[in-house]
Amino acid sequence: MEKVINYLTGFFGGLMAVMMAIIPVTILWYVLTGGDVWGMDVVTNLTGLVNMFGTGGFTGLVVLVMLATFFVDKKIK
């Protein structure tokens, strides 16, 4: 069971790393060409996400902090 959990954690960690590498490229593509990437307007989606956190008040701040913890490398020493 531990091997399955480690495999899934590694898979989703790798998938997240790929997505985090694609996001800056899609933003750059949108800025340079003004066109959508794979039918998605990345800049508008990110702007909407930031506005949602901003209008959420304290709740938006808490959710933003919780999401940020997913992207912090947690190393146990």
C-alpha atoms as a PDB file:
ATOM      1  CA  MET A   1       0.000   0.000   0.000  1.00  0.00           C
ATOM      2  CA  GLU A   2       2.875   2.344   0.792  1.00  0.00           C
ATOM      3  CA  LYS A   3       4.323   1.784  -2.694  1.00  0.00           C
ATOM      4  CA  VAL A   4       1.008   2.758  -4.277  1.00  0.00           C
ATOM      5  CA  ILE A   5       0.796   5.952  -2.244  1.00  0.00           C
ATOM      6  CA  ASN A   6       4.414   6.833  -3.081  1.00  0.00           C
ATOM      7  CA  TYR A   7       3.749   6.145  -6.770  1.00  0.00           C
ATOM      8  CA  LEU A   8       0.639   8.342  -6.827  1.00  0.00           C
ATOM      9  CA  THR A   9       2.375  11.113  -4.884  1.00  0.00           C
ATOM     10  CA  GLY A  10       5.283  11.047  -7.318  1.00  0.00           C
ATOM     11  CA  PHE A  11       2.965  11.017 -10.320  1.00  0.00           C
ATOM     12  CA  PHE A  12       0.879  13.971  -9.166  1.00  0.00           C
ATOM     13  CA  GLY A  13       4.002  15.836  -8.038  1.00  0.00           C
ATOM     14  CA  GLY A  14       5.481  15.418 -11.512  1.00  0.00           C
ATOM     15  CA  LEU A  15       2.230  16.450 -13.136  1.00  0.00           C
ATOM     16  CA  MET A  16       2.134  19.597 -10.987  1.00  0.00           C
ATOM     17  CA  ALA A  17       5.736  20.393 -11.940  1.00  0.00           C
ATOM     18  CA  VAL A  18       4.855  20.143 -15.627  1.00  0.00           C
ATOM     19  CA  MET A  19       1.824  22.393 -15.195  1.00  0.00           C
ATOM     20  CA  MET A  20       3.858  24.961 -13.258  1.00  0.00           C
ATOM     21  CA  ALA A  21       6.340  25.005 -16.148  1.00  0.00           C
ATOM     22  CA  ILE A  22       3.604  25.417 -18.773  1.00  0.00           C
ATOM     23  CA  ILE A  23       1.848  28.378 -17.108  1.00  0.00           C
ATOM     24  CA  PRO A  24       4.643  30.948 -17.723  1.00  0.00           C
ATOM     25  CA  VAL A  25       4.957  29.782 -21.336  1.00  0.00           C
ATOM     26  CA  THR A  26       1.220  30.221 -21.933  1.00  0.00           C
ATOM     27  CA  ILE A  27       1.305  33.714 -20.390  1.00  0.00           C
ATOM     28  CA  LEU A  28       4.243  34.663 -22.607  1.00  0.00           C
ATOM     29  CA  TRP A  29       2.426  33.253 -25.667  1.00  0.00           C
ATOM     30  CA  TYR A  30      -0.664  35.320 -24.838  1.00  0.00           C
ATOM     31  CA  VAL A  31       1.376  38.503 -24.342  1.00  0.00           C
ATOM     32  CA  LEU A  32       3.334  38.057 -27.577  1.00  0.00           C
ATOM     33  CA  THR A  33       0.531  36.883 -29.862  1.00  0.00           C
ATOM     34  CA  GLY A  34      -2.698  37.892 -28.112  1.00  0.00           C
ATOM     35  CA  GLY A  35      -4.092  34.451 -28.898  1.00  0.00           C
ATOM     36  CA  ASP A  36      -5.556  31.836 -26.639  1.00  0.00           C
ATOM     37  CA  VAL A  37      -3.650  28.686 -25.778  1.00  0.00           C
ATOM     38  CA  TRP A  38      -5.614  25.465 -26.268  1.00  0.00           C
ATOM     39  CA  GLY A  39      -8.825  27.487 -26.231  1.00  0.00           C
ATOM     40  CA  MET A  40      -8.126  29.012 -22.811  1.00  0.00           C
ATOM     41  CA  ASP A  41      -7.479  32.661 -22.024  1.00  0.00           C
ATOM     42  CA  VAL A  42      -4.868  32.146 -19.322  1.00  0.00           C
ATOM     43  CA  VAL A  43      -4.408  35.803 -18.384  1.00  0.00           C
ATOM     44  CA  THR A  44      -8.151  36.355 -17.908  1.00  0.00           C
ATOM     45  CA  ASN A  45      -8.408  33.204 -15.787  1.00  0.00           C
ATOM     46  CA  LEU A  46      -5.489  34.260 -13.573  1.00  0.00           C
ATOM     47  CA  THR A  47      -6.903  37.777 -13.248  1.00  0.00           C
ATOM     48  CA  GLY A  48     -10.265  36.340 -12.197  1.00  0.00           C
ATOM     49  CA  LEU A  49      -8.563  34.109  -9.642  1.00  0.00           C
ATOM     50  CA  VAL A  50      -6.650  37.026  -8.106  1.00  0.00           C
ATOM     51  CA  ASN A  51      -9.820  39.161  -8.028  1.00  0.00           C
ATOM     52  CA  MET A  52     -11.694  36.325  -6.331  1.00  0.00           C
ATOM     53  CA  PHE A  53      -9.082  36.195  -3.548  1.00  0.00           C
ATOM     54  CA  GLY A  54      -9.140  40.001  -3.261  1.00  0.00           C
ATOM     55  CA  THR A  55     -12.909  40.262  -2.897  1.00  0.00           C
ATOM     56  CA  GLY A  56     -13.023  37.315  -0.492  1.00  0.00           C
ATOM     57  CA  GLY A  57     -11.682  39.365   2.415  1.00  0.00           C
ATOM     58  CA  PHE A  58     -10.284  37.299   5.266  1.00  0.00           C
ATOM     59  CA  THR A  59     -11.679  34.079   3.807  1.00  0.00           C
ATOM     60  CA  GLY A  60      -9.918  34.785   0.522  1.00  0.00           C
ATOM     61  CA  LEU A  61      -6.662  35.341   2.397  1.00  0.00           C
ATOM     62  CA  VAL A  62      -7.015  32.056   4.279  1.00  0.00           C
ATOM     63  CA  VAL A  63      -7.729  30.145   1.059  1.00  0.00           C
ATOM     64  CA  LEU A  64      -4.769  31.826  -0.657  1.00  0.00           C
ATOM     65  CA  VAL A  65      -2.450  30.787   2.191  1.00  0.00           C
ATOM     66  CA  MET A  66      -3.801  27.236   2.055  1.00  0.00           C
ATOM     67  CA  LEU A  67      -3.202  27.066  -1.703  1.00  0.00           C
ATOM     68  CA  ALA A  68       0.299  28.508  -1.314  1.00  0.00           C
ATOM     69  CA  THR A  69       1.225  25.690   1.068  1.00  0.00           C
ATOM     70  CA  PHE A  70       0.687  23.198  -1.773  1.00  0.00           C
ATOM     71  CA  PHE A  71       3.439  24.875  -3.791  1.00  0.00           C
ATOM     72  CA  VAL A  72       6.037  25.092  -1.015  1.00  0.00           C
ATOM     73  CA  ASP A  73       8.649  22.345  -1.004  1.00  0.00           C
ATOM     74  CA  LYS A  74       8.308  20.565   2.319  1.00  0.00           C
ATOM     75  CA  LYS A  75      11.567  18.881   3.303  1.00  0.00           C
ATOM     76  CA  ILE A  76      11.911  17.084   6.600  1.00  0.00           C
ATOM     77  CA  LYS A  77      15.373  17.360   8.101  1.00  0.00           C
END
